[in-house]
């Protein structure tokens, strides 16, 4: 699939784990390959594949053995100091996004990172647009509670 890099980027943001994202994309692309003749006939095959990614991710986190414990501080991944306040704020907000439920995080990722509208998100997540709006509103309220400066930076739709 020509959009493999975009799918991997989407999966990384969705899962917050590079290795899990690679595994997820690999599993989904294997399924896509097996059904490509049917999928390629769809009006929006890219959206269908993204829905497959969301479904695979949802199936993964629903399994009790895959629940992760939250830690106060993430492990340091680089020895290079990031002095830009913008990057520091983005990282702080991302750590807060990781505290959201998987469903709310998925909606936030699809809305703000992938820039999909509510109807498309609802289609991808197989729910109603009202559910997307409600979950997004709850997620943003939780983020605002956890990080008050987020309210001023949030360009809510």
N, C-alpha and C. Protein backbone atom coordinates (compact mmCIF):
# COMPACT_ATOMS: atom_id res chain seq x y z
N UNK A 1 0.85 -1.17 0.00
CA UNK A 1 0.00 0.00 0.00
C UNK A 1 0.89 1.23 0.00
N UNK A 2 0.56 2.19 -0.83
CA UNK A 2 1.37 3.38 -0.99
C UNK A 2 1.34 4.28 0.24
N UNK A 3 0.37 4.13 1.11
CA UNK A 3 0.20 5.00 2.28
C UNK A 3 0.74 4.37 3.55
N UNK A 4 1.68 3.45 3.42
CA UNK A 4 2.23 2.75 4.58
C UNK A 4 2.84 3.66 5.62
N UNK A 5 3.59 4.68 5.19
CA UNK A 5 4.22 5.60 6.15
C UNK A 5 3.17 6.38 6.92
N UNK A 6 2.12 6.83 6.22
CA UNK A 6 1.05 7.57 6.89
C UNK A 6 0.30 6.66 7.87
N UNK A 7 0.10 5.41 7.49
CA UNK A 7 -0.57 4.47 8.39
C UNK A 7 0.28 4.21 9.63
N UNK A 8 1.58 4.08 9.44
CA UNK A 8 2.47 3.86 10.57
C UNK A 8 2.48 5.07 11.50
N UNK A 9 2.51 6.26 10.93
CA UNK A 9 2.47 7.48 11.73
C UNK A 9 1.16 7.55 12.53
N UNK A 10 0.06 7.23 11.87
CA UNK A 10 -1.25 7.21 12.53
C UNK A 10 -1.26 6.19 13.66
N UNK A 11 -0.73 5.02 13.42
CA UNK A 11 -0.70 3.98 14.45
C UNK A 11 0.20 4.37 15.61
N UNK A 12 1.31 5.03 15.33
CA UNK A 12 2.20 5.48 16.41
C UNK A 12 1.48 6.46 17.34
N UNK A 13 0.77 7.40 16.75
CA UNK A 13 0.04 8.38 17.57
C UNK A 13 -1.09 7.69 18.32
N UNK A 14 -1.73 6.75 17.68
CA UNK A 14 -2.85 6.04 18.29
C UNK A 14 -2.40 5.18 19.46
N UNK A 15 -1.32 4.45 19.29
CA UNK A 15 -0.88 3.49 20.31
C UNK A 15 0.10 4.07 21.31
N UNK A 16 0.78 5.14 20.93
CA UNK A 16 1.82 5.75 21.76
C UNK A 16 2.98 4.79 22.02
N UNK A 17 3.17 3.85 21.11
CA UNK A 17 4.25 2.88 21.25
C UNK A 17 4.71 2.49 19.84
N UNK A 18 5.95 2.82 19.52
CA UNK A 18 6.45 2.60 18.17
C UNK A 18 6.41 1.13 17.77
N UNK A 19 6.80 0.24 18.66
CA UNK A 19 6.84 -1.18 18.33
C UNK A 19 5.44 -1.76 18.17
N UNK A 20 4.54 -1.39 19.07
CA UNK A 20 3.16 -1.86 18.96
C UNK A 20 2.53 -1.32 17.67
N UNK A 21 2.86 -0.08 17.31
CA UNK A 21 2.33 0.51 16.08
C UNK A 21 2.80 -0.27 14.86
N UNK A 22 4.09 -0.62 14.85
CA UNK A 22 4.62 -1.40 13.73
C UNK A 22 3.93 -2.75 13.63
N UNK A 23 3.73 -3.41 14.76
CA UNK A 23 3.04 -4.70 14.76
C UNK A 23 1.61 -4.56 14.27
N UNK A 24 0.94 -3.52 14.74
CA UNK A 24 -0.44 -3.28 14.37
C UNK A 24 -0.57 -3.04 12.86
N UNK A 25 0.29 -2.19 12.32
CA UNK A 25 0.25 -1.90 10.88
C UNK A 25 0.58 -3.15 10.08
N UNK A 26 1.56 -3.92 10.54
CA UNK A 26 1.92 -5.15 9.83
C UNK A 26 0.74 -6.12 9.80
N UNK A 27 0.07 -6.30 10.93
CA UNK A 27 -1.08 -7.22 10.98
C UNK A 27 -2.20 -6.74 10.06
N UNK A 28 -2.48 -5.44 10.11
CA UNK A 28 -3.56 -4.90 9.29
C UNK A 28 -3.22 -4.98 7.81
N UNK A 29 -1.98 -4.64 7.45
CA UNK A 29 -1.60 -4.71 6.03
C UNK A 29 -1.62 -6.14 5.50
N UNK A 30 -1.35 -7.11 6.36
CA UNK A 30 -1.45 -8.51 5.93
C UNK A 30 -2.90 -8.84 5.60
N UNK A 31 -3.83 -8.35 6.41
CA UNK A 31 -5.25 -8.56 6.14
C UNK A 31 -5.69 -7.80 4.89
N UNK A 32 -5.16 -6.58 4.72
CA UNK A 32 -5.50 -5.78 3.54
C UNK A 32 -5.01 -6.49 2.28
N UNK A 33 -3.80 -7.02 2.33
CA UNK A 33 -3.25 -7.71 1.17
C UNK A 33 -4.14 -8.88 0.75
N UNK A 34 -4.63 -9.61 1.74
CA UNK A 34 -5.46 -10.77 1.44
C UNK A 34 -6.80 -10.37 0.83
N UNK A 35 -7.27 -9.16 1.13
CA UNK A 35 -8.59 -8.73 0.66
C UNK A 35 -8.52 -7.52 -0.26
N UNK A 36 -7.35 -7.24 -0.83
CA UNK A 36 -7.17 -6.00 -1.57
C UNK A 36 -8.12 -5.86 -2.75
N UNK A 37 -8.42 -6.92 -3.45
CA UNK A 37 -9.33 -6.81 -4.61
C UNK A 37 -10.68 -6.23 -4.19
N UNK A 38 -11.19 -6.67 -3.08
CA UNK A 38 -12.47 -6.15 -2.57
C UNK A 38 -12.31 -4.74 -2.02
N UNK A 39 -11.26 -4.50 -1.24
CA UNK A 39 -11.05 -3.20 -0.61
C UNK A 39 -10.79 -2.12 -1.65
N UNK A 40 -10.03 -2.44 -2.68
CA UNK A 40 -9.70 -1.43 -3.70
C UNK A 40 -10.91 -0.95 -4.47
N UNK A 41 -12.00 -1.70 -4.46
CA UNK A 41 -13.22 -1.30 -5.15
C UNK A 41 -14.06 -0.32 -4.34
N UNK A 42 -13.73 -0.14 -3.08
CA UNK A 42 -14.48 0.77 -2.23
C UNK A 42 -14.23 2.21 -2.65
N UNK A 43 -15.17 3.08 -2.29
CA UNK A 43 -15.03 4.50 -2.64
C UNK A 43 -13.84 5.15 -1.93
N UNK A 44 -13.61 4.78 -0.67
CA UNK A 44 -12.51 5.33 0.12
C UNK A 44 -11.73 4.19 0.78
N UNK A 45 -10.87 3.52 0.03
CA UNK A 45 -10.14 2.39 0.63
C UNK A 45 -9.22 2.82 1.77
N UNK A 46 -8.68 4.04 1.71
CA UNK A 46 -7.80 4.52 2.77
C UNK A 46 -8.54 4.62 4.09
N UNK A 47 -9.75 5.14 4.07
CA UNK A 47 -10.56 5.22 5.29
C UNK A 47 -10.89 3.83 5.82
N UNK A 48 -11.14 2.91 4.91
CA UNK A 48 -11.45 1.54 5.33
C UNK A 48 -10.25 0.91 6.04
N UNK A 49 -9.06 1.15 5.51
CA UNK A 49 -7.85 0.60 6.13
C UNK A 49 -7.61 1.26 7.48
N UNK A 50 -7.85 2.56 7.58
CA UNK A 50 -7.72 3.24 8.88
C UNK A 50 -8.73 2.69 9.89
N UNK A 51 -9.93 2.39 9.41
CA UNK A 51 -10.91 1.78 10.31
C UNK A 51 -10.41 0.41 10.78
N UNK A 52 -9.78 -0.32 9.88
CA UNK A 52 -9.20 -1.61 10.27
C UNK A 52 -8.15 -1.41 11.37
N UNK A 53 -7.33 -0.35 11.23
CA UNK A 53 -6.32 -0.05 12.26
C UNK A 53 -6.99 0.28 13.60
N UNK A 54 -8.01 1.13 13.55
CA UNK A 54 -8.72 1.49 14.79
C UNK A 54 -9.34 0.25 15.42
N UNK A 55 -9.96 -0.60 14.60
CA UNK A 55 -10.57 -1.82 15.13
C UNK A 55 -9.53 -2.76 15.72
N UNK A 56 -8.39 -2.89 15.05
CA UNK A 56 -7.34 -3.76 15.57
C UNK A 56 -6.79 -3.22 16.88
N UNK A 57 -6.63 -1.91 16.96
CA UNK A 57 -6.15 -1.28 18.20
C UNK A 57 -7.18 -1.47 19.32
N UNK A 58 -8.45 -1.27 19.00
CA UNK A 58 -9.51 -1.46 19.99
C UNK A 58 -9.54 -2.89 20.49
N UNK A 59 -9.41 -3.84 19.59
CA UNK A 59 -9.38 -5.24 20.00
C UNK A 59 -8.19 -5.52 20.91
N UNK A 60 -7.06 -4.89 20.61
CA UNK A 60 -5.86 -5.12 21.41
C UNK A 60 -6.05 -4.60 22.83
N UNK A 61 -6.51 -3.34 22.99
CA UNK A 61 -6.59 -2.80 24.34
C UNK A 61 -7.75 -3.34 25.14
N UNK A 62 -8.72 -3.98 24.48
CA UNK A 62 -9.82 -4.59 25.23
C UNK A 62 -9.40 -5.86 25.95
N UNK A 63 -8.34 -6.49 25.46
CA UNK A 63 -7.84 -7.68 26.13
C UNK A 63 -7.21 -7.28 27.45
N UNK A 64 -7.65 -7.88 28.54
CA UNK A 64 -7.19 -7.50 29.87
C UNK A 64 -5.68 -7.66 30.04
N UNK A 65 -5.08 -8.61 29.35
CA UNK A 65 -3.65 -8.83 29.51
C UNK A 65 -2.82 -7.70 28.91
N UNK A 66 -3.43 -6.85 28.10
CA UNK A 66 -2.70 -5.77 27.45
C UNK A 66 -2.82 -4.43 28.16
N UNK A 67 -3.44 -4.41 29.31
CA UNK A 67 -3.58 -3.15 30.05
C UNK A 67 -2.22 -2.74 30.60
N UNK A 68 -1.90 -1.49 30.45
CA UNK A 68 -0.64 -1.00 30.96
C UNK A 68 -0.88 -0.18 32.21
N UNK A 69 0.09 -0.16 33.07
CA UNK A 69 0.03 0.66 34.26
C UNK A 69 0.65 2.01 33.96
N UNK A 70 -0.04 3.08 34.37
CA UNK A 70 0.49 4.42 34.15
C UNK A 70 1.64 4.67 35.12
N UNK A 71 2.64 5.39 34.66
CA UNK A 71 3.76 5.76 35.52
C UNK A 71 3.80 7.28 35.63
N UNK A 72 4.36 7.75 36.71
CA UNK A 72 4.41 9.19 36.95
C UNK A 72 5.27 9.89 35.91
N UNK A 73 6.41 9.33 35.61
CA UNK A 73 7.33 9.93 34.65
C UNK A 73 7.72 8.89 33.60
N UNK A 74 7.60 9.23 32.31
CA UNK A 74 8.04 8.29 31.28
C UNK A 74 9.56 8.16 31.30
N UNK A 75 10.03 7.04 30.83
CA UNK A 75 11.47 6.80 30.78
C UNK A 75 12.11 7.75 29.77
N UNK A 76 13.29 8.20 30.09
CA UNK A 76 14.02 9.09 29.18
C UNK A 76 14.42 8.31 27.94
N UNK A 77 14.15 8.88 26.77
CA UNK A 77 14.47 8.18 25.53
C UNK A 77 15.65 8.80 24.80
N UNK A 78 16.09 9.96 25.26
CA UNK A 78 17.17 10.62 24.56
C UNK A 78 18.00 11.42 25.55
N UNK A 79 19.28 11.51 25.28
CA UNK A 79 20.15 12.30 26.16
C UNK A 79 20.22 13.75 25.71
N UNK A 80 19.64 14.06 24.56
CA UNK A 80 19.66 15.42 24.04
C UNK A 80 18.55 16.22 24.72
N UNK A 81 18.93 17.37 25.29
CA UNK A 81 17.94 18.20 25.97
C UNK A 81 17.15 19.00 24.94
N UNK A 82 15.85 19.08 25.17
CA UNK A 82 14.97 19.86 24.32
C UNK A 82 14.67 21.15 25.07
N UNK A 83 15.19 22.27 24.59
CA UNK A 83 15.03 23.52 25.30
C UNK A 83 13.89 24.36 24.78
N UNK A 84 13.27 23.97 23.70
CA UNK A 84 12.19 24.76 23.14
C UNK A 84 10.94 24.59 23.98
N UNK A 85 10.40 25.70 24.45
CA UNK A 85 9.21 25.63 25.31
C UNK A 85 8.02 25.05 24.55
N UNK A 86 7.97 25.27 23.27
CA UNK A 86 6.86 24.72 22.48
C UNK A 86 6.89 23.19 22.48
N UNK A 87 8.06 22.64 22.31
CA UNK A 87 8.19 21.19 22.35
C UNK A 87 7.89 20.64 23.72
N UNK A 88 8.33 21.34 24.75
CA UNK A 88 8.06 20.90 26.12
C UNK A 88 6.57 20.91 26.41
N UNK A 89 5.88 21.94 25.95
CA UNK A 89 4.43 22.00 26.18
C UNK A 89 3.71 20.91 25.38
N UNK A 90 4.15 20.69 24.15
CA UNK A 90 3.54 19.64 23.33
C UNK A 90 3.73 18.28 23.99
N UNK A 91 4.91 18.04 24.53
CA UNK A 91 5.18 16.78 25.22
C UNK A 91 4.32 16.64 26.47
N UNK A 92 4.17 17.73 27.20
CA UNK A 92 3.34 17.70 28.42
C UNK A 92 1.89 17.39 28.06
N UNK A 93 1.40 18.01 27.01
CA UNK A 93 0.02 17.74 26.58
C UNK A 93 -0.11 16.30 26.10
N UNK A 94 0.90 15.80 25.37
CA UNK A 94 0.83 14.42 24.88
C UNK A 94 0.79 13.44 26.05
N UNK A 95 1.56 13.70 27.12
CA UNK A 95 1.51 12.81 28.29
C UNK A 95 0.11 12.82 28.91
N UNK A 96 -0.55 13.96 28.85
CA UNK A 96 -1.92 14.04 29.36
C UNK A 96 -2.88 13.27 28.45
N UNK A 97 -2.66 13.37 27.14
CA UNK A 97 -3.51 12.62 26.20
C UNK A 97 -3.39 11.13 26.46
N UNK A 98 -2.21 10.68 26.85
CA UNK A 98 -2.00 9.26 27.13
C UNK A 98 -2.80 8.81 28.35
N UNK A 99 -3.23 9.74 29.19
CA UNK A 99 -4.03 9.40 30.37
C UNK A 99 -5.51 9.22 30.03
N UNK A 100 -5.91 9.61 28.83
CA UNK A 100 -7.30 9.43 28.42
C UNK A 100 -7.58 7.95 28.19
N UNK A 101 -8.86 7.62 28.21
CA UNK A 101 -9.22 6.24 27.88
C UNK A 101 -8.84 5.98 26.42
N UNK A 102 -8.63 4.73 26.05
CA UNK A 102 -8.25 4.44 24.66
C UNK A 102 -9.26 4.98 23.64
N UNK A 103 -10.54 4.91 23.95
CA UNK A 103 -11.55 5.41 23.01
C UNK A 103 -11.45 6.93 22.86
N UNK A 104 -11.31 7.64 23.98
CA UNK A 104 -11.19 9.09 23.91
C UNK A 104 -9.90 9.49 23.21
N UNK A 105 -8.81 8.77 23.50
CA UNK A 105 -7.54 9.07 22.84
C UNK A 105 -7.67 8.86 21.34
N UNK A 106 -8.35 7.80 20.93
CA UNK A 106 -8.55 7.55 19.50
C UNK A 106 -9.29 8.70 18.85
N UNK A 107 -10.33 9.19 19.50
CA UNK A 107 -11.11 10.30 18.94
C UNK A 107 -10.26 11.56 18.85
N UNK A 108 -9.48 11.85 19.89
CA UNK A 108 -8.61 13.04 19.88
C UNK A 108 -7.57 12.92 18.77
N UNK A 109 -6.99 11.74 18.62
CA UNK A 109 -5.98 11.53 17.57
C UNK A 109 -6.61 11.73 16.19
N UNK A 110 -7.77 11.13 15.97
CA UNK A 110 -8.42 11.25 14.66
C UNK A 110 -8.85 12.69 14.38
N UNK A 111 -9.29 13.40 15.41
CA UNK A 111 -9.78 14.75 15.22
C UNK A 111 -8.63 15.76 15.06
N UNK A 112 -7.67 15.74 15.95
CA UNK A 112 -6.66 16.79 15.98
C UNK A 112 -5.34 16.43 15.29
N UNK A 113 -5.00 15.15 15.23
CA UNK A 113 -3.77 14.77 14.55
C UNK A 113 -4.03 14.41 13.09
N UNK A 114 -5.14 13.72 12.85
CA UNK A 114 -5.46 13.32 11.48
C UNK A 114 -6.44 14.28 10.80
N UNK A 115 -7.03 15.20 11.56
CA UNK A 115 -7.91 16.25 11.05
C UNK A 115 -9.16 15.71 10.34
N UNK A 116 -9.77 14.69 10.93
CA UNK A 116 -11.02 14.16 10.40
C UNK A 116 -12.19 14.83 11.08
N UNK A 117 -13.29 14.95 10.34
CA UNK A 117 -14.50 15.52 10.93
C UNK A 117 -15.24 14.45 11.73
N UNK A 118 -16.26 14.88 12.48
CA UNK A 118 -16.97 13.96 13.37
C UNK A 118 -17.64 12.82 12.61
N UNK A 119 -18.20 13.11 11.45
CA UNK A 119 -18.88 12.06 10.68
C UNK A 119 -17.88 10.98 10.24
N UNK A 120 -16.70 11.39 9.81
CA UNK A 120 -15.69 10.42 9.38
C UNK A 120 -15.18 9.62 10.56
N UNK A 121 -14.97 10.29 11.70
CA UNK A 121 -14.52 9.59 12.90
C UNK A 121 -15.58 8.57 13.32
N UNK A 122 -16.83 8.97 13.27
CA UNK A 122 -17.92 8.06 13.64
C UNK A 122 -17.93 6.84 12.72
N UNK A 123 -17.70 7.07 11.45
CA UNK A 123 -17.65 5.95 10.51
C UNK A 123 -16.47 5.03 10.82
N UNK A 124 -15.32 5.62 11.10
CA UNK A 124 -14.14 4.82 11.42
C UNK A 124 -14.32 4.02 12.70
N UNK A 125 -14.98 4.62 13.69
CA UNK A 125 -15.13 3.96 14.98
C UNK A 125 -16.44 3.20 15.10
N UNK A 126 -17.23 3.24 14.05
CA UNK A 126 -18.51 2.54 14.00
C UNK A 126 -19.41 2.93 15.17
N UNK A 127 -19.60 4.24 15.28
CA UNK A 127 -20.50 4.79 16.28
C UNK A 127 -21.20 6.00 15.67
N UNK A 128 -21.99 6.69 16.45
CA UNK A 128 -22.72 7.86 15.96
C UNK A 128 -21.87 9.12 16.11
N UNK A 129 -22.10 10.11 15.23
CA UNK A 129 -21.38 11.37 15.37
C UNK A 129 -21.60 12.04 16.73
N UNK A 130 -22.79 11.88 17.29
CA UNK A 130 -23.05 12.44 18.62
C UNK A 130 -22.16 11.81 19.69
N UNK A 131 -21.89 10.53 19.54
CA UNK A 131 -20.99 9.84 20.48
C UNK A 131 -19.58 10.40 20.35
N UNK A 132 -19.16 10.67 19.12
CA UNK A 132 -17.84 11.25 18.90
C UNK A 132 -17.75 12.61 19.58
N UNK A 133 -18.77 13.45 19.37
CA UNK A 133 -18.76 14.79 19.98
C UNK A 133 -18.75 14.70 21.50
N UNK A 134 -19.56 13.79 22.07
CA UNK A 134 -19.62 13.63 23.52
C UNK A 134 -18.29 13.16 24.08
N UNK A 135 -17.70 12.15 23.45
CA UNK A 135 -16.42 11.63 23.91
C UNK A 135 -15.31 12.68 23.77
N UNK A 136 -15.35 13.44 22.68
CA UNK A 136 -14.35 14.49 22.48
C UNK A 136 -14.51 15.58 23.54
N UNK A 137 -15.75 15.95 23.82
CA UNK A 137 -16.00 16.98 24.84
C UNK A 137 -15.51 16.50 26.21
N UNK A 138 -15.78 15.25 26.55
CA UNK A 138 -15.32 14.70 27.83
C UNK A 138 -13.80 14.62 27.88
N UNK A 139 -13.19 14.23 26.77
CA UNK A 139 -11.73 14.15 26.72
C UNK A 139 -11.12 15.52 26.90
N UNK A 140 -11.66 16.52 26.21
CA UNK A 140 -11.12 17.87 26.34
C UNK A 140 -11.34 18.43 27.74
N UNK A 141 -12.49 18.11 28.35
CA UNK A 141 -12.74 18.55 29.72
C UNK A 141 -11.72 17.93 30.67
N UNK A 142 -11.41 16.66 30.47
CA UNK A 142 -10.41 16.00 31.32
C UNK A 142 -9.04 16.63 31.11
N UNK A 143 -8.69 16.91 29.86
CA UNK A 143 -7.41 17.55 29.58
C UNK A 143 -7.34 18.94 30.21
N UNK A 144 -8.44 19.69 30.13
CA UNK A 144 -8.46 21.02 30.73
C UNK A 144 -8.35 20.95 32.24
N UNK A 145 -8.94 19.93 32.82
CA UNK A 145 -8.84 19.75 34.28
C UNK A 145 -7.39 19.41 34.67
N UNK A 146 -6.75 18.55 33.88
CA UNK A 146 -5.39 18.13 34.19
C UNK A 146 -4.36 19.20 33.87
N UNK A 147 -4.66 20.02 32.88
CA UNK A 147 -3.69 21.00 32.40
C UNK A 147 -4.44 22.29 32.05
N UNK A 148 -4.65 23.18 33.02
CA UNK A 148 -5.47 24.39 32.79
C UNK A 148 -4.99 25.24 31.62
N UNK A 149 -3.70 25.27 31.33
CA UNK A 149 -3.22 26.08 30.20
C UNK A 149 -3.71 25.52 28.87
N UNK A 150 -4.15 24.26 28.87
CA UNK A 150 -4.64 23.63 27.64
C UNK A 150 -5.87 24.34 27.12
N UNK A 151 -6.68 24.89 28.01
CA UNK A 151 -7.93 25.55 27.60
C UNK A 151 -7.66 26.70 26.65
N UNK A 152 -6.66 27.50 26.94
CA UNK A 152 -6.37 28.65 26.07
C UNK A 152 -5.74 28.21 24.75
N UNK A 153 -5.04 27.09 24.74
CA UNK A 153 -4.38 26.62 23.53
C UNK A 153 -5.30 25.79 22.66
N UNK A 154 -6.44 25.36 23.20
CA UNK A 154 -7.34 24.47 22.48
C UNK A 154 -8.22 25.25 21.52
N UNK A 155 -8.13 24.91 20.25
CA UNK A 155 -9.03 25.49 19.25
C UNK A 155 -10.22 24.58 19.07
N UNK A 156 -11.15 24.58 20.03
CA UNK A 156 -12.25 23.61 20.00
C UNK A 156 -13.15 23.86 18.83
N UNK A 157 -13.65 22.74 18.29
CA UNK A 157 -14.53 22.82 17.12
C UNK A 157 -15.95 23.00 17.55
